[in-house]
Amino acid sequence: YGKQRFEYLKPIAEEEKRVEEAEK
């Protein structure tokens, strides 16, 4: 479950990080 959840959340976190860098 942890592996599946991590794989699900990883792209979301990458997108949030990319948006945050652009805003910064």
mmCIF file of all heavy atoms, coordinates in Angstrom:
data_MODEL
# 
_entry.id   MODEL 
# 
loop_
_atom_site.group_PDB 
_atom_site.id 
_atom_site.type_symbol 
_atom_site.label_atom_id 
_atom_site.label_alt_id 
_atom_site.label_comp_id 
_atom_site.label_asym_id 
_atom_site.label_entity_id 
_atom_site.label_seq_id 
_atom_site.pdbx_PDB_ins_code 
_atom_site.Cartn_x 
_atom_site.Cartn_y 
_atom_site.Cartn_z 
_atom_site.occupancy 
_atom_site.B_iso_or_equiv 
_atom_site.pdbx_formal_charge 
_atom_site.auth_seq_id 
_atom_site.auth_comp_id 
_atom_site.auth_asym_id 
_atom_site.auth_atom_id 
_atom_site.pdbx_PDB_model_num 
ATOM 1   N N   . TYR A 1 1  ? 0.832  -1.206 0.000   1.00 0.00 ? 1  TYR A N   1 
ATOM 2   C CA  . TYR A 1 1  ? 0.000  0.000  0.000   1.00 0.00 ? 1  TYR A CA  1 
ATOM 3   C C   . TYR A 1 1  ? 0.866  1.256  0.000   1.00 0.00 ? 1  TYR A C   1 
ATOM 4   O O   . TYR A 1 1  ? 0.599  2.205  -0.735  1.00 0.00 ? 1  TYR A O   1 
ATOM 5   C CB  . TYR A 1 1  ? -0.928 0.012  1.223   1.00 0.00 ? 1  TYR A CB  1 
ATOM 6   C CG  . TYR A 1 1  ? -1.650 1.325  1.379   1.00 0.00 ? 1  TYR A CG  1 
ATOM 7   C CD1 . TYR A 1 1  ? -2.740 1.633  0.581   1.00 0.00 ? 1  TYR A CD1 1 
ATOM 8   C CD2 . TYR A 1 1  ? -1.228 2.279  2.306   1.00 0.00 ? 1  TYR A CD2 1 
ATOM 9   C CE1 . TYR A 1 1  ? -3.398 2.846  0.696   1.00 0.00 ? 1  TYR A CE1 1 
ATOM 10  C CE2 . TYR A 1 1  ? -1.868 3.487  2.431   1.00 0.00 ? 1  TYR A CE2 1 
ATOM 11  C CZ  . TYR A 1 1  ? -2.958 3.763  1.621   1.00 0.00 ? 1  TYR A CZ  1 
ATOM 12  O OH  . TYR A 1 1  ? -3.591 4.970  1.741   1.00 0.00 ? 1  TYR A OH  1 
ATOM 13  N N   . GLY A 1 2  ? 1.901  1.261  0.818   1.00 0.00 ? 2  GLY A N   1 
ATOM 14  C CA  . GLY A 1 2  ? 2.788  2.415  0.884   1.00 0.00 ? 2  GLY A CA  1 
ATOM 15  C C   . GLY A 1 2  ? 3.463  2.688  -0.444  1.00 0.00 ? 2  GLY A C   1 
ATOM 16  O O   . GLY A 1 2  ? 3.601  3.839  -0.860  1.00 0.00 ? 2  GLY A O   1 
ATOM 17  N N   . LYS A 1 3  ? 3.899  1.654  -1.123  1.00 0.00 ? 3  LYS A N   1 
ATOM 18  C CA  . LYS A 1 3  ? 4.543  1.811  -2.437  1.00 0.00 ? 3  LYS A CA  1 
ATOM 19  C C   . LYS A 1 3  ? 3.549  2.386  -3.446  1.00 0.00 ? 3  LYS A C   1 
ATOM 20  O O   . LYS A 1 3  ? 3.884  3.303  -4.198  1.00 0.00 ? 3  LYS A O   1 
ATOM 21  C CB  . LYS A 1 3  ? 5.070  0.468  -2.917  1.00 0.00 ? 3  LYS A CB  1 
ATOM 22  C CG  . LYS A 1 3  ? 5.605  0.448  -4.318  1.00 0.00 ? 3  LYS A CG  1 
ATOM 23  C CD  . LYS A 1 3  ? 7.093  0.609  -4.333  1.00 0.00 ? 3  LYS A CD  1 
ATOM 24  C CE  . LYS A 1 3  ? 7.669  0.359  -5.695  1.00 0.00 ? 3  LYS A CE  1 
ATOM 25  N NZ  . LYS A 1 3  ? 7.924  1.544  -6.438  1.00 0.00 ? 3  LYS A NZ  1 
ATOM 26  N N   . GLN A 1 4  ? 2.346  1.849  -3.473  1.00 0.00 ? 4  GLN A N   1 
ATOM 27  C CA  . GLN A 1 4  ? 1.328  2.347  -4.407  1.00 0.00 ? 4  GLN A CA  1 
ATOM 28  C C   . GLN A 1 4  ? 0.972  3.801  -4.093  1.00 0.00 ? 4  GLN A C   1 
ATOM 29  O O   . GLN A 1 4  ? 0.830  4.627  -4.997  1.00 0.00 ? 4  GLN A O   1 
ATOM 30  C CB  . GLN A 1 4  ? 0.071  1.488  -4.347  1.00 0.00 ? 4  GLN A CB  1 
ATOM 31  C CG  . GLN A 1 4  ? 0.241  0.126  -4.960  1.00 0.00 ? 4  GLN A CG  1 
ATOM 32  C CD  . GLN A 1 4  ? -1.004 -0.733 -4.811  1.00 0.00 ? 4  GLN A CD  1 
ATOM 33  O OE1 . GLN A 1 4  ? -1.883 -0.450 -4.009  1.00 0.00 ? 4  GLN A OE1 1 
ATOM 34  N NE2 . GLN A 1 4  ? -1.070 -1.804 -5.598  1.00 0.00 ? 4  GLN A NE2 1 
ATOM 35  N N   . ARG A 1 5  ? 0.832  4.120  -2.837  1.00 0.00 ? 5  ARG A N   1 
ATOM 36  C CA  . ARG A 1 5  ? 0.476  5.483  -2.439  1.00 0.00 ? 5  ARG A CA  1 
ATOM 37  C C   . ARG A 1 5  ? 1.590  6.460  -2.800  1.00 0.00 ? 5  ARG A C   1 
ATOM 38  O O   . ARG A 1 5  ? 1.333  7.561  -3.276  1.00 0.00 ? 5  ARG A O   1 
ATOM 39  C CB  . ARG A 1 5  ? 0.204  5.510  -0.927  1.00 0.00 ? 5  ARG A CB  1 
ATOM 40  C CG  . ARG A 1 5  ? -0.268 6.824  -0.403  1.00 0.00 ? 5  ARG A CG  1 
ATOM 41  C CD  . ARG A 1 5  ? -1.666 7.122  -0.838  1.00 0.00 ? 5  ARG A CD  1 
ATOM 42  N NE  . ARG A 1 5  ? -2.085 8.380  -0.239  1.00 0.00 ? 5  ARG A NE  1 
ATOM 43  C CZ  . ARG A 1 5  ? -3.114 9.064  -0.629  1.00 0.00 ? 5  ARG A CZ  1 
ATOM 44  N NH1 . ARG A 1 5  ? -3.869 8.614  -1.612  1.00 0.00 ? 5  ARG A NH1 1 
ATOM 45  N NH2 . ARG A 1 5  ? -3.424 10.194 -0.063  1.00 0.00 ? 5  ARG A NH2 1 
ATOM 46  N N   . PHE A 1 6  ? 2.840  6.039  -2.590  1.00 0.00 ? 6  PHE A N   1 
ATOM 47  C CA  . PHE A 1 6  ? 3.977  6.878  -2.951  1.00 0.00 ? 6  PHE A CA  1 
ATOM 48  C C   . PHE A 1 6  ? 3.994  7.138  -4.449  1.00 0.00 ? 6  PHE A C   1 
ATOM 49  O O   . PHE A 1 6  ? 4.196  8.275  -4.887  1.00 0.00 ? 6  PHE A O   1 
ATOM 50  C CB  . PHE A 1 6  ? 5.282  6.203  -2.515  1.00 0.00 ? 6  PHE A CB  1 
ATOM 51  C CG  . PHE A 1 6  ? 6.497  6.971  -2.911  1.00 0.00 ? 6  PHE A CG  1 
ATOM 52  C CD1 . PHE A 1 6  ? 6.877  8.099  -2.213  1.00 0.00 ? 6  PHE A CD1 1 
ATOM 53  C CD2 . PHE A 1 6  ? 7.258  6.571  -3.992  1.00 0.00 ? 6  PHE A CD2 1 
ATOM 54  C CE1 . PHE A 1 6  ? 8.002  8.817  -2.584  1.00 0.00 ? 6  PHE A CE1 1 
ATOM 55  C CE2 . PHE A 1 6  ? 8.381  7.281  -4.373  1.00 0.00 ? 6  PHE A CE2 1 
ATOM 56  C CZ  . PHE A 1 6  ? 8.754  8.402  -3.669  1.00 0.00 ? 6  PHE A CZ  1 
ATOM 57  N N   . GLU A 1 7  ? 3.775  6.111  -5.253  1.00 0.00 ? 7  GLU A N   1 
ATOM 58  C CA  . GLU A 1 7  ? 3.767  6.273  -6.709  1.00 0.00 ? 7  GLU A CA  1 
ATOM 59  C C   . GLU A 1 7  ? 2.612  7.164  -7.162  1.00 0.00 ? 7  GLU A C   1 
ATOM 60  O O   . GLU A 1 7  ? 2.715  7.863  -8.167  1.00 0.00 ? 7  GLU A O   1 
ATOM 61  C CB  . GLU A 1 7  ? 3.688  4.910  -7.409  1.00 0.00 ? 7  GLU A CB  1 
ATOM 62  C CG  . GLU A 1 7  ? 4.909  4.052  -7.206  1.00 0.00 ? 7  GLU A CG  1 
ATOM 63  C CD  . GLU A 1 7  ? 6.188  4.691  -7.731  1.00 0.00 ? 7  GLU A CD  1 
ATOM 64  O OE1 . GLU A 1 7  ? 6.150  5.358  -8.786  1.00 0.00 ? 7  GLU A OE1 1 
ATOM 65  O OE2 . GLU A 1 7  ? 7.238  4.524  -7.084  1.00 0.00 ? 7  GLU A OE2 1 
ATOM 66  N N   . TYR A 1 8  ? 1.505  7.154  -6.426  1.00 0.00 ? 8  TYR A N   1 
ATOM 67  C CA  . TYR A 1 8  ? 0.366  8.005  -6.747  1.00 0.00 ? 8  TYR A CA  1 
ATOM 68  C C   . TYR A 1 8  ? 0.669  9.473  -6.415  1.00 0.00 ? 8  TYR A C   1 
ATOM 69  O O   . TYR A 1 8  ? 0.336  10.374 -7.176  1.00 0.00 ? 8  TYR A O   1 
ATOM 70  C CB  . TYR A 1 8  ? -0.870 7.525  -5.971  1.00 0.00 ? 8  TYR A CB  1 
ATOM 71  C CG  . TYR A 1 8  ? -2.050 8.459  -6.059  1.00 0.00 ? 8  TYR A CG  1 
ATOM 72  C CD1 . TYR A 1 8  ? -2.817 8.519  -7.223  1.00 0.00 ? 8  TYR A CD1 1 
ATOM 73  C CD2 . TYR A 1 8  ? -2.391 9.278  -4.995  1.00 0.00 ? 8  TYR A CD2 1 
ATOM 74  C CE1 . TYR A 1 8  ? -3.903 9.383  -7.309  1.00 0.00 ? 8  TYR A CE1 1 
ATOM 75  C CE2 . TYR A 1 8  ? -3.467 10.139 -5.072  1.00 0.00 ? 8  TYR A CE2 1 
ATOM 76  C CZ  . TYR A 1 8  ? -4.219 10.187 -6.229  1.00 0.00 ? 8  TYR A CZ  1 
ATOM 77  O OH  . TYR A 1 8  ? -5.285 11.046 -6.312  1.00 0.00 ? 8  TYR A OH  1 
ATOM 78  N N   . LEU A 1 9  ? 1.312  9.703  -5.269  1.00 0.00 ? 9  LEU A N   1 
ATOM 79  C CA  . LEU A 1 9  ? 1.548  11.071 -4.804  1.00 0.00 ? 9  LEU A CA  1 
ATOM 80  C C   . LEU A 1 9  ? 2.793  11.711 -5.407  1.00 0.00 ? 9  LEU A C   1 
ATOM 81  O O   . LEU A 1 9  ? 2.902  12.945 -5.422  1.00 0.00 ? 9  LEU A O   1 
ATOM 82  C CB  . LEU A 1 9  ? 1.671  11.091 -3.278  1.00 0.00 ? 9  LEU A CB  1 
ATOM 83  C CG  . LEU A 1 9  ? 0.396  10.750 -2.514  1.00 0.00 ? 9  LEU A CG  1 
ATOM 84  C CD1 . LEU A 1 9  ? 0.686  10.677 -1.028  1.00 0.00 ? 9  LEU A CD1 1 
ATOM 85  C CD2 . LEU A 1 9  ? -0.697 11.753 -2.802  1.00 0.00 ? 9  LEU A CD2 1 
ATOM 86  N N   . LYS A 1 10 ? 3.714  10.938 -5.908  1.00 0.00 ? 10 LYS A N   1 
ATOM 87  C CA  . LYS A 1 10 ? 4.977  11.465 -6.423  1.00 0.00 ? 10 LYS A CA  1 
ATOM 88  C C   . LYS A 1 10 ? 4.774  12.476 -7.547  1.00 0.00 ? 10 LYS A C   1 
ATOM 89  O O   . LYS A 1 10 ? 5.335  13.578 -7.493  1.00 0.00 ? 10 LYS A O   1 
ATOM 90  C CB  . LYS A 1 10 ? 5.873  10.318 -6.873  1.00 0.00 ? 10 LYS A CB  1 
ATOM 91  C CG  . LYS A 1 10 ? 7.256  10.742 -7.258  1.00 0.00 ? 10 LYS A CG  1 
ATOM 92  C CD  . LYS A 1 10 ? 8.110  9.541  -7.610  1.00 0.00 ? 10 LYS A CD  1 
ATOM 93  C CE  . LYS A 1 10 ? 9.488  9.960  -8.028  1.00 0.00 ? 10 LYS A CE  1 
ATOM 94  N NZ  . LYS A 1 10 ? 10.315 8.801  -8.388  1.00 0.00 ? 10 LYS A NZ  1 
ATOM 95  N N   . PRO A 1 11 ? 3.981  12.189 -8.588  1.00 0.00 ? 11 PRO A N   1 
ATOM 96  C CA  . PRO A 1 11 ? 3.798  13.185 -9.651  1.00 0.00 ? 11 PRO A CA  1 
ATOM 97  C C   . PRO A 1 11 ? 3.098  14.451 -9.166  1.00 0.00 ? 11 PRO A C   1 
ATOM 98  O O   . PRO A 1 11 ? 3.401  15.554 -9.629  1.00 0.00 ? 11 PRO A O   1 
ATOM 99  C CB  . PRO A 1 11 ? 2.953  12.479 -10.710 1.00 0.00 ? 11 PRO A CB  1 
ATOM 100 C CG  . PRO A 1 11 ? 2.766  11.094 -10.279 1.00 0.00 ? 11 PRO A CG  1 
ATOM 101 C CD  . PRO A 1 11 ? 3.327  10.936 -8.914  1.00 0.00 ? 11 PRO A CD  1 
ATOM 102 N N   . ILE A 1 12 ? 2.204  14.310 -8.219  1.00 0.00 ? 12 ILE A N   1 
ATOM 103 C CA  . ILE A 1 12 ? 1.506  15.473 -7.673  1.00 0.00 ? 12 ILE A CA  1 
ATOM 104 C C   . ILE A 1 12 ? 2.503  16.376 -6.950  1.00 0.00 ? 12 ILE A C   1 
ATOM 105 O O   . ILE A 1 12 ? 2.487  17.599 -7.123  1.00 0.00 ? 12 ILE A O   1 
ATOM 106 C CB  . ILE A 1 12 ? 0.368  15.026 -6.733  1.00 0.00 ? 12 ILE A CB  1 
ATOM 107 C CG1 . ILE A 1 12 ? -0.689 14.245 -7.518  1.00 0.00 ? 12 ILE A CG1 1 
ATOM 108 C CG2 . ILE A 1 12 ? -0.254 16.214 -6.018  1.00 0.00 ? 12 ILE A CG2 1 
ATOM 109 C CD1 . ILE A 1 12 ? -1.732 13.566 -6.671  1.00 0.00 ? 12 ILE A CD1 1 
ATOM 110 N N   . ALA A 1 13 ? 3.383  15.773 -6.159  1.00 0.00 ? 13 ALA A N   1 
ATOM 111 C CA  . ALA A 1 13 ? 4.380  16.548 -5.418  1.00 0.00 ? 13 ALA A CA  1 
ATOM 112 C C   . ALA A 1 13 ? 5.365  17.212 -6.379  1.00 0.00 ? 13 ALA A C   1 
ATOM 113 O O   . ALA A 1 13 ? 5.776  18.358 -6.157  1.00 0.00 ? 13 ALA A O   1 
ATOM 114 C CB  . ALA A 1 13 ? 5.121  15.639 -4.442  1.00 0.00 ? 13 ALA A CB  1 
ATOM 115 N N   . GLU A 1 14 ? 5.742  16.525 -7.451  1.00 0.00 ? 14 GLU A N   1 
ATOM 116 C CA  . GLU A 1 14 ? 6.650  17.116 -8.430  1.00 0.00 ? 14 GLU A CA  1 
ATOM 117 C C   . GLU A 1 14 ? 6.016  18.326 -9.105  1.00 0.00 ? 14 GLU A C   1 
ATOM 118 O O   . GLU A 1 14 ? 6.685  19.340 -9.331  1.00 0.00 ? 14 GLU A O   1 
ATOM 119 C CB  . GLU A 1 14 ? 7.058  16.077 -9.468  1.00 0.00 ? 14 GLU A CB  1 
ATOM 120 C CG  . GLU A 1 14 ? 7.992  15.014 -8.933  1.00 0.00 ? 14 GLU A CG  1 
ATOM 121 C CD  . GLU A 1 14 ? 8.272  13.909 -9.917  1.00 0.00 ? 14 GLU A CD  1 
ATOM 122 O OE1 . GLU A 1 14 ? 7.607  13.855 -10.985 1.00 0.00 ? 14 GLU A OE1 1 
ATOM 123 O OE2 . GLU A 1 14 ? 9.157  13.085 -9.634  1.00 0.00 ? 14 GLU A OE2 1 
ATOM 124 N N   . GLU A 1 15 ? 4.737  18.227 -9.428  1.00 0.00 ? 15 GLU A N   1 
ATOM 125 C CA  . GLU A 1 15 ? 4.033  19.343 -10.050 1.00 0.00 ? 15 GLU A CA  1 
ATOM 126 C C   . GLU A 1 15 ? 3.950  20.524 -9.083  1.00 0.00 ? 15 GLU A C   1 
ATOM 127 O O   . GLU A 1 15 ? 4.169  21.670 -9.479  1.00 0.00 ? 15 GLU A O   1 
ATOM 128 C CB  . GLU A 1 15 ? 2.628  18.918 -10.478 1.00 0.00 ? 15 GLU A CB  1 
ATOM 129 C CG  . GLU A 1 15 ? 1.801  20.017 -11.090 1.00 0.00 ? 15 GLU A CG  1 
ATOM 130 C CD  . GLU A 1 15 ? 2.345  20.538 -12.406 1.00 0.00 ? 15 GLU A CD  1 
ATOM 131 O OE1 . GLU A 1 15 ? 3.142  19.849 -13.049 1.00 0.00 ? 15 GLU A OE1 1 
ATOM 132 O OE2 . GLU A 1 15 ? 1.980  21.662 -12.790 1.00 0.00 ? 15 GLU A OE2 1 
ATOM 133 N N   . GLU A 1 16 ? 3.641  20.247 -7.823  1.00 0.00 ? 16 GLU A N   1 
ATOM 134 C CA  . GLU A 1 16 ? 3.578  21.318 -6.830  1.00 0.00 ? 16 GLU A CA  1 
ATOM 135 C C   . GLU A 1 16 ? 4.940  21.979 -6.670  1.00 0.00 ? 16 GLU A C   1 
ATOM 136 O O   . GLU A 1 16 ? 5.032  23.200 -6.541  1.00 0.00 ? 16 GLU A O   1 
ATOM 137 C CB  . GLU A 1 16 ? 3.109  20.763 -5.484  1.00 0.00 ? 16 GLU A CB  1 
ATOM 138 C CG  . GLU A 1 16 ? 1.644  20.391 -5.454  1.00 0.00 ? 16 GLU A CG  1 
ATOM 139 C CD  . GLU A 1 16 ? 1.227  19.757 -4.138  1.00 0.00 ? 16 GLU A CD  1 
ATOM 140 O OE1 . GLU A 1 16 ? 2.099  19.489 -3.281  1.00 0.00 ? 16 GLU A OE1 1 
ATOM 141 O OE2 . GLU A 1 16 ? 0.025  19.529 -3.967  1.00 0.00 ? 16 GLU A OE2 1 
ATOM 142 N N   . LYS A 1 17 ? 5.987  21.188 -6.688  1.00 0.00 ? 17 LYS A N   1 
ATOM 143 C CA  . LYS A 1 17 ? 7.342  21.733 -6.560  1.00 0.00 ? 17 LYS A CA  1 
ATOM 144 C C   . LYS A 1 17 ? 7.679  22.615 -7.764  1.00 0.00 ? 17 LYS A C   1 
ATOM 145 O O   . LYS A 1 17 ? 8.262  23.693 -7.616  1.00 0.00 ? 17 LYS A O   1 
ATOM 146 C CB  . LYS A 1 17 ? 8.346  20.593 -6.440  1.00 0.00 ? 17 LYS A CB  1 
ATOM 147 C CG  . LYS A 1 17 ? 9.757  21.049 -6.198  1.00 0.00 ? 17 LYS A CG  1 
ATOM 148 C CD  . LYS A 1 17 ? 10.695 19.869 -6.013  1.00 0.00 ? 17 LYS A CD  1 
ATOM 149 C CE  . LYS A 1 17 ? 12.113 20.341 -5.770  1.00 0.00 ? 17 LYS A CE  1 
ATOM 150 N NZ  . LYS A 1 17 ? 13.045 19.222 -5.603  1.00 0.00 ? 17 LYS A NZ  1 
ATOM 151 N N   . ARG A 1 18 ? 7.300  22.163 -8.969  1.00 0.00 ? 18 ARG A N   1 
ATOM 152 C CA  . ARG A 1 18 ? 7.563  22.935 -10.172 1.00 0.00 ? 18 ARG A CA  1 
ATOM 153 C C   . ARG A 1 18 ? 6.817  24.269 -10.132 1.00 0.00 ? 18 ARG A C   1 
ATOM 154 O O   . ARG A 1 18 ? 7.378  25.326 -10.439 1.00 0.00 ? 18 ARG A O   1 
ATOM 155 C CB  . ARG A 1 18 ? 7.145  22.150 -11.419 1.00 0.00 ? 18 ARG A CB  1 
ATOM 156 C CG  . ARG A 1 18 ? 7.537  22.805 -12.725 1.00 0.00 ? 18 ARG A CG  1 
ATOM 157 C CD  . ARG A 1 18 ? 6.929  22.094 -13.912 1.00 0.00 ? 18 ARG A CD  1 
ATOM 158 N NE  . ARG A 1 18 ? 5.474  22.142 -13.923 1.00 0.00 ? 18 ARG A NE  1 
ATOM 159 C CZ  . ARG A 1 18 ? 4.751  23.214 -14.245 1.00 0.00 ? 18 ARG A CZ  1 
ATOM 160 N NH1 . ARG A 1 18 ? 5.345  24.325 -14.557 1.00 0.00 ? 18 ARG A NH1 1 
ATOM 161 N NH2 . ARG A 1 18 ? 3.439  23.173 -14.242 1.00 0.00 ? 18 ARG A NH2 1 
ATOM 162 N N   . VAL A 1 19 ? 5.566  24.246 -9.711  1.00 0.00 ? 19 VAL A N   1 
ATOM 163 C CA  . VAL A 1 19 ? 4.769  25.467 -9.610  1.00 0.00 ? 19 VAL A CA  1 
ATOM 164 C C   . VAL A 1 19 ? 5.369  26.406 -8.565  1.00 0.00 ? 19 VAL A C   1 
ATOM 165 O O   . VAL A 1 19 ? 5.468  27.619 -8.785  1.00 0.00 ? 19 VAL A O   1 
ATOM 166 C CB  . VAL A 1 19 ? 3.295  25.125 -9.267  1.00 0.00 ? 19 VAL A CB  1 
ATOM 167 C CG1 . VAL A 1 19 ? 2.525  26.362 -8.864  1.00 0.00 ? 19 VAL A CG1 1 
ATOM 168 C CG2 . VAL A 1 19 ? 2.636  24.425 -10.440 1.00 0.00 ? 19 VAL A CG2 1 
ATOM 169 N N   . GLU A 1 20 ? 5.785  25.850 -7.433  1.00 0.00 ? 20 GLU A N   1 
ATOM 170 C CA  . GLU A 1 20 ? 6.381  26.666 -6.374  1.00 0.00 ? 20 GLU A CA  1 
ATOM 171 C C   . GLU A 1 20 ? 7.673  27.326 -6.854  1.00 0.00 ? 20 GLU A C   1 
ATOM 172 O O   . GLU A 1 20 ? 7.928  28.497 -6.553  1.00 0.00 ? 20 GLU A O   1 
ATOM 173 C CB  . GLU A 1 20 ? 6.665  25.800 -5.141  1.00 0.00 ? 20 GLU A CB  1 
ATOM 174 C CG  . GLU A 1 20 ? 7.257  26.573 -3.982  1.00 0.00 ? 20 GLU A CG  1 
ATOM 175 C CD  . GLU A 1 20 ? 6.329  27.634 -3.422  1.00 0.00 ? 20 GLU A CD  1 
ATOM 176 O OE1 . GLU A 1 20 ? 5.103  27.443 -3.461  1.00 0.00 ? 20 GLU A OE1 1 
ATOM 177 O OE2 . GLU A 1 20 ? 6.852  28.657 -2.946  1.00 0.00 ? 20 GLU A OE2 1 
ATOM 178 N N   . GLU A 1 21 ? 8.492  26.602 -7.616  1.00 0.00 ? 21 GLU A N   1 
ATOM 179 C CA  . GLU A 1 21 ? 9.720  27.189 -8.142  1.00 0.00 ? 21 GLU A CA  1 
ATOM 180 C C   . GLU A 1 21 ? 9.411  28.329 -9.111  1.00 0.00 ? 21 GLU A C   1 
ATOM 181 O O   . GLU A 1 21 ? 10.086 29.360 -9.096  1.00 0.00 ? 21 GLU A O   1 
ATOM 182 C CB  . GLU A 1 21 ? 10.562 26.121 -8.831  1.00 0.00 ? 21 GLU A CB  1 
ATOM 183 C CG  . GLU A 1 21 ? 11.200 25.140 -7.870  1.00 0.00 ? 21 GLU A CG  1 
ATOM 184 C CD  . GLU A 1 21 ? 11.913 24.000 -8.570  1.00 0.00 ? 21 GLU A CD  1 
ATOM 185 O OE1 . GLU A 1 21 ? 11.873 23.937 -9.823  1.00 0.00 ? 21 GLU A OE1 1 
ATOM 186 O OE2 . GLU A 1 21 ? 12.517 23.179 -7.874  1.00 0.00 ? 21 GLU A OE2 1 
ATOM 187 N N   . ALA A 1 22 ? 8.396  28.146 -9.958  1.00 0.00 ? 22 ALA A N   1 
ATOM 188 C CA  . ALA A 1 22 ? 8.015  29.202 -10.892 1.00 0.00 ? 22 ALA A CA  1 
ATOM 189 C C   . ALA A 1 22 ? 7.515  30.435 -10.136 1.00 0.00 ? 22 ALA A C   1 
ATOM 190 O O   . ALA A 1 22 ? 7.870  31.568 -10.479 1.00 0.00 ? 22 ALA A O   1 
ATOM 191 C CB  . ALA A 1 22 ? 6.939  28.691 -11.851 1.00 0.00 ? 22 ALA A CB  1 
ATOM 192 N N   . GLU A 1 23 ? 6.709  30.219 -9.101  1.00 0.00 ? 23 GLU A N   1 
ATOM 193 C CA  . GLU A 1 23 ? 6.213  31.340 -8.304  1.00 0.00 ? 23 GLU A CA  1 
ATOM 194 C C   . GLU A 1 23 ? 7.360  32.042 -7.578  1.00 0.00 ? 23 GLU A C   1 
ATOM 195 O O   . GLU A 1 23 ? 7.366  33.266 -7.465  1.00 0.00 ? 23 GLU A O   1 
ATOM 196 C CB  . GLU A 1 23 ? 5.182  30.849 -7.290  1.00 0.00 ? 23 GLU A CB  1 
ATOM 197 C CG  . GLU A 1 23 ? 3.872  30.436 -7.921  1.00 0.00 ? 23 GLU A CG  1 
ATOM 198 C CD  . GLU A 1 23 ? 2.894  29.829 -6.924  1.00 0.00 ? 23 GLU A CD  1 
ATOM 199 O OE1 . GLU A 1 23 ? 3.292  29.613 -5.748  1.00 0.00 ? 23 GLU A OE1 1 
ATOM 200 O OE2 . GLU A 1 23 ? 1.754  29.571 -7.311  1.00 0.00 ? 23 GLU A OE2 1 
ATOM 201 N N   . LYS A 1 24 ? 8.323  31.264 -7.110  1.00 0.00 ? 24 LYS A N   1 
ATOM 202 C CA  . LYS A 1 24 ? 9.470  31.857 -6.416  1.00 0.00 ? 24 LYS A CA  1 
ATOM 203 C C   . LYS A 1 24 ? 10.281 32.732 -7.373  1.00 0.00 ? 24 LYS A C   1 
ATOM 204 O O   . LYS A 1 24 ? 10.697 33.834 -6.999  1.00 0.00 ? 24 LYS A O   1 
ATOM 205 C CB  . LYS A 1 24 ? 10.360 30.753 -5.845  1.00 0.00 ? 24 LYS A CB  1 
ATOM 206 C CG  . LYS A 1 24 ? 11.544 31.278 -5.065  1.00 0.00 ? 24 LYS A CG  1 
ATOM 207 C CD  . LYS A 1 24 ? 12.384 30.152 -4.505  1.00 0.00 ? 24 LYS A CD  1 
ATOM 208 C CE  . LYS A 1 24 ? 13.588 30.702 -3.771  1.00 0.00 ? 24 LYS A CE  1 
ATOM 209 N NZ  . LYS A 1 24 ? 14.469 29.629 -3.294  1.00 0.00 ? 24 LYS A NZ  1 
# 
